[in-house]
N, C-alpha and C. Protein backbone atom coordinates (compact mmCIF):
# COMPACT_ATOMS: atom_id res chain seq x y z
N MET A 1 -14.42 42.31 3.05
CA MET A 1 -15.72 41.87 2.58
C MET A 1 -16.59 43.08 2.27
N GLU A 2 -17.19 43.07 1.09
CA GLU A 2 -18.03 44.20 0.67
C GLU A 2 -19.41 44.09 1.31
N ASN A 3 -19.92 45.22 1.79
CA ASN A 3 -21.27 45.24 2.37
C ASN A 3 -22.30 45.01 1.28
N ASN A 4 -23.38 44.35 1.65
CA ASN A 4 -24.52 44.23 0.75
C ASN A 4 -25.22 45.58 0.69
N LYS A 5 -26.03 45.74 -0.32
CA LYS A 5 -26.75 46.99 -0.51
C LYS A 5 -28.25 46.72 -0.47
N LEU A 6 -28.98 47.66 0.10
CA LEU A 6 -30.44 47.65 0.03
C LEU A 6 -30.80 48.43 -1.23
N LYS A 7 -31.74 47.91 -2.02
CA LYS A 7 -32.12 48.58 -3.27
C LYS A 7 -33.62 48.80 -3.30
N PHE A 8 -34.00 49.98 -3.82
CA PHE A 8 -35.40 50.38 -3.88
C PHE A 8 -35.69 51.07 -5.20
N LYS A 9 -36.89 50.81 -5.76
CA LYS A 9 -37.40 51.60 -6.87
C LYS A 9 -38.04 52.84 -6.27
N THR A 10 -37.83 53.99 -6.91
CA THR A 10 -38.41 55.23 -6.40
C THR A 10 -38.94 56.08 -7.56
N ASN A 11 -39.54 57.20 -7.22
CA ASN A 11 -39.89 58.21 -8.23
C ASN A 11 -39.10 59.49 -7.96
N ILE A 12 -37.88 59.34 -7.46
CA ILE A 12 -36.96 60.46 -7.24
C ILE A 12 -36.29 60.72 -8.60
N ASN A 13 -36.76 61.75 -9.31
CA ASN A 13 -36.44 61.92 -10.73
C ASN A 13 -35.26 62.82 -11.07
N CYS A 14 -34.91 63.76 -10.20
CA CYS A 14 -33.95 64.78 -10.63
C CYS A 14 -33.13 65.28 -9.43
N GLY A 15 -32.22 66.17 -9.72
CA GLY A 15 -31.39 66.75 -8.68
C GLY A 15 -32.19 67.46 -7.61
N GLY A 16 -33.25 68.14 -8.01
CA GLY A 16 -34.11 68.82 -7.05
C GLY A 16 -34.80 67.84 -6.11
N CYS A 17 -35.20 66.70 -6.67
CA CYS A 17 -35.83 65.66 -5.86
C CYS A 17 -34.82 65.09 -4.86
N ILE A 18 -33.61 64.85 -5.34
CA ILE A 18 -32.56 64.33 -4.46
C ILE A 18 -32.28 65.32 -3.34
N GLU A 19 -32.24 66.61 -3.69
CA GLU A 19 -32.02 67.65 -2.68
C GLU A 19 -33.11 67.61 -1.61
N LYS A 20 -34.36 67.39 -2.03
CA LYS A 20 -35.48 67.36 -1.09
C LYS A 20 -35.41 66.15 -0.16
N VAL A 21 -35.00 64.99 -0.68
CA VAL A 21 -35.00 63.76 0.11
C VAL A 21 -33.71 63.60 0.94
N THR A 22 -32.67 64.36 0.60
CA THR A 22 -31.37 64.23 1.27
C THR A 22 -31.44 64.30 2.80
N PRO A 23 -32.08 65.31 3.40
CA PRO A 23 -32.08 65.35 4.87
C PRO A 23 -32.77 64.14 5.49
N PHE A 24 -33.79 63.62 4.82
CA PHE A 24 -34.51 62.46 5.34
C PHE A 24 -33.63 61.21 5.30
N LEU A 25 -32.95 60.99 4.17
CA LEU A 25 -32.09 59.82 4.05
C LEU A 25 -30.82 59.94 4.89
N ASN A 26 -30.27 61.15 4.99
CA ASN A 26 -29.09 61.33 5.84
C ASN A 26 -29.41 61.02 7.30
N GLU A 27 -30.64 61.32 7.71
CA GLU A 27 -31.04 61.06 9.09
C GLU A 27 -31.07 59.56 9.41
N VAL A 28 -31.53 58.75 8.47
CA VAL A 28 -31.66 57.31 8.75
C VAL A 28 -30.47 56.49 8.28
N ALA A 29 -29.78 56.93 7.22
CA ALA A 29 -28.70 56.13 6.66
C ALA A 29 -27.33 56.76 6.83
N GLY A 30 -27.30 58.07 7.00
CA GLY A 30 -26.03 58.77 7.13
C GLY A 30 -25.52 59.28 5.79
N GLU A 31 -24.91 60.43 5.83
CA GLU A 31 -24.37 61.05 4.62
C GLU A 31 -23.32 60.13 3.99
N GLY A 32 -23.41 59.97 2.69
CA GLY A 32 -22.43 59.14 1.97
C GLY A 32 -22.74 57.66 1.96
N HIS A 33 -23.86 57.26 2.56
CA HIS A 33 -24.21 55.84 2.62
C HIS A 33 -25.39 55.49 1.73
N TRP A 34 -25.75 56.39 0.82
CA TRP A 34 -26.86 56.13 -0.10
C TRP A 34 -26.65 56.90 -1.39
N THR A 35 -27.24 56.40 -2.47
CA THR A 35 -27.21 57.07 -3.77
C THR A 35 -28.52 56.80 -4.50
N VAL A 36 -28.87 57.69 -5.42
CA VAL A 36 -30.02 57.50 -6.29
C VAL A 36 -29.52 57.61 -7.73
N ASP A 37 -29.84 56.60 -8.54
CA ASP A 37 -29.48 56.62 -9.95
C ASP A 37 -30.68 57.11 -10.74
N THR A 38 -30.71 58.41 -11.04
CA THR A 38 -31.85 58.99 -11.75
C THR A 38 -31.79 58.71 -13.25
N SER A 39 -30.72 58.08 -13.73
CA SER A 39 -30.60 57.79 -15.16
C SER A 39 -31.31 56.50 -15.56
N THR A 40 -31.77 55.72 -14.58
CA THR A 40 -32.47 54.48 -14.88
C THR A 40 -33.97 54.67 -14.78
N LYS A 41 -34.71 53.81 -15.47
CA LYS A 41 -36.17 53.89 -15.48
C LYS A 41 -36.75 53.79 -14.07
N ASP A 42 -36.17 52.92 -13.24
CA ASP A 42 -36.71 52.67 -11.90
C ASP A 42 -36.16 53.61 -10.83
N LYS A 43 -35.26 54.53 -11.20
CA LYS A 43 -34.71 55.52 -10.25
C LYS A 43 -34.26 54.81 -8.97
N ILE A 44 -33.28 53.91 -9.10
CA ILE A 44 -32.88 53.03 -8.01
C ILE A 44 -32.14 53.79 -6.91
N LEU A 45 -32.67 53.66 -5.71
CA LEU A 45 -32.03 54.14 -4.48
C LEU A 45 -31.25 52.97 -3.90
N THR A 46 -29.97 53.17 -3.66
CA THR A 46 -29.11 52.14 -3.08
C THR A 46 -28.61 52.65 -1.73
N VAL A 47 -28.78 51.83 -0.70
CA VAL A 47 -28.37 52.20 0.66
C VAL A 47 -27.45 51.11 1.19
N ASP A 48 -26.35 51.51 1.84
CA ASP A 48 -25.47 50.53 2.47
C ASP A 48 -26.25 49.73 3.50
N ASP A 49 -26.14 48.41 3.44
CA ASP A 49 -26.83 47.54 4.39
C ASP A 49 -26.09 47.56 5.73
N GLY A 50 -26.83 47.27 6.79
CA GLY A 50 -26.25 47.19 8.12
C GLY A 50 -26.24 48.52 8.86
N ILE A 51 -26.66 49.58 8.19
CA ILE A 51 -26.67 50.91 8.80
C ILE A 51 -28.06 51.26 9.31
N THR A 52 -29.07 50.83 8.58
CA THR A 52 -30.45 51.15 8.90
C THR A 52 -31.33 50.02 8.41
N SER A 53 -32.62 50.12 8.67
CA SER A 53 -33.55 49.07 8.25
C SER A 53 -34.28 49.46 6.97
N VAL A 54 -34.81 48.45 6.30
CA VAL A 54 -35.63 48.68 5.11
C VAL A 54 -36.80 49.59 5.47
N ASP A 55 -37.46 49.30 6.59
CA ASP A 55 -38.62 50.10 7.01
C ASP A 55 -38.26 51.56 7.24
N ALA A 56 -37.10 51.81 7.85
CA ALA A 56 -36.68 53.19 8.12
C ALA A 56 -36.43 53.95 6.82
N VAL A 57 -35.79 53.30 5.86
CA VAL A 57 -35.53 53.94 4.57
C VAL A 57 -36.85 54.25 3.86
N MET A 58 -37.74 53.26 3.82
CA MET A 58 -39.01 53.45 3.13
C MET A 58 -39.83 54.56 3.78
N SER A 59 -39.86 54.58 5.09
CA SER A 59 -40.60 55.61 5.81
C SER A 59 -40.02 57.00 5.54
N SER A 60 -38.70 57.12 5.54
CA SER A 60 -38.08 58.44 5.34
C SER A 60 -38.36 58.97 3.94
N VAL A 61 -38.31 58.11 2.93
CA VAL A 61 -38.58 58.55 1.56
C VAL A 61 -40.05 58.95 1.41
N GLN A 62 -40.93 58.18 2.03
CA GLN A 62 -42.36 58.52 1.99
C GLN A 62 -42.64 59.84 2.70
N LYS A 63 -41.97 60.09 3.82
CA LYS A 63 -42.13 61.36 4.53
C LYS A 63 -41.69 62.54 3.67
N ALA A 64 -40.70 62.30 2.81
CA ALA A 64 -40.22 63.35 1.90
C ALA A 64 -41.18 63.56 0.73
N GLY A 65 -42.17 62.68 0.60
CA GLY A 65 -43.19 62.84 -0.44
C GLY A 65 -42.98 62.01 -1.69
N TYR A 66 -42.17 60.96 -1.60
CA TYR A 66 -41.87 60.14 -2.77
C TYR A 66 -42.35 58.71 -2.58
N LYS A 67 -42.53 58.03 -3.71
CA LYS A 67 -42.91 56.62 -3.70
C LYS A 67 -41.65 55.78 -3.63
N ILE A 68 -41.76 54.62 -2.97
CA ILE A 68 -40.61 53.73 -2.82
C ILE A 68 -41.11 52.31 -2.71
N GLU A 69 -40.36 51.40 -3.32
CA GLU A 69 -40.69 49.99 -3.31
C GLU A 69 -39.38 49.20 -3.21
N GLU A 70 -39.32 48.26 -2.30
CA GLU A 70 -38.10 47.46 -2.14
C GLU A 70 -37.90 46.57 -3.36
N VAL A 71 -36.64 46.47 -3.80
CA VAL A 71 -36.26 45.56 -4.87
C VAL A 71 -35.59 44.37 -4.22
N ASN A 72 -36.14 43.19 -4.42
CA ASN A 72 -35.54 41.98 -3.86
C ASN A 72 -34.42 41.51 -4.76
N ASN A 73 -33.24 41.34 -4.15
CA ASN A 73 -32.06 40.92 -4.93
C ASN A 73 -32.10 39.45 -5.22
């Protein structure tokens, strides 16, 4: 069974931004359990569900200095 994904709109725009937010997201979600698609307008952050909470992800991205909004599936 495939895990569901948590999805968020962000303003994480480029590789440098991803580099800046990486330690924050690795701390709450774990390395390899999240991705950011910077090629889309909404810069979608996808996190494996069941590893962390929506609040923890949102807080970590905000601490890194970025905007984040949950996308309801």
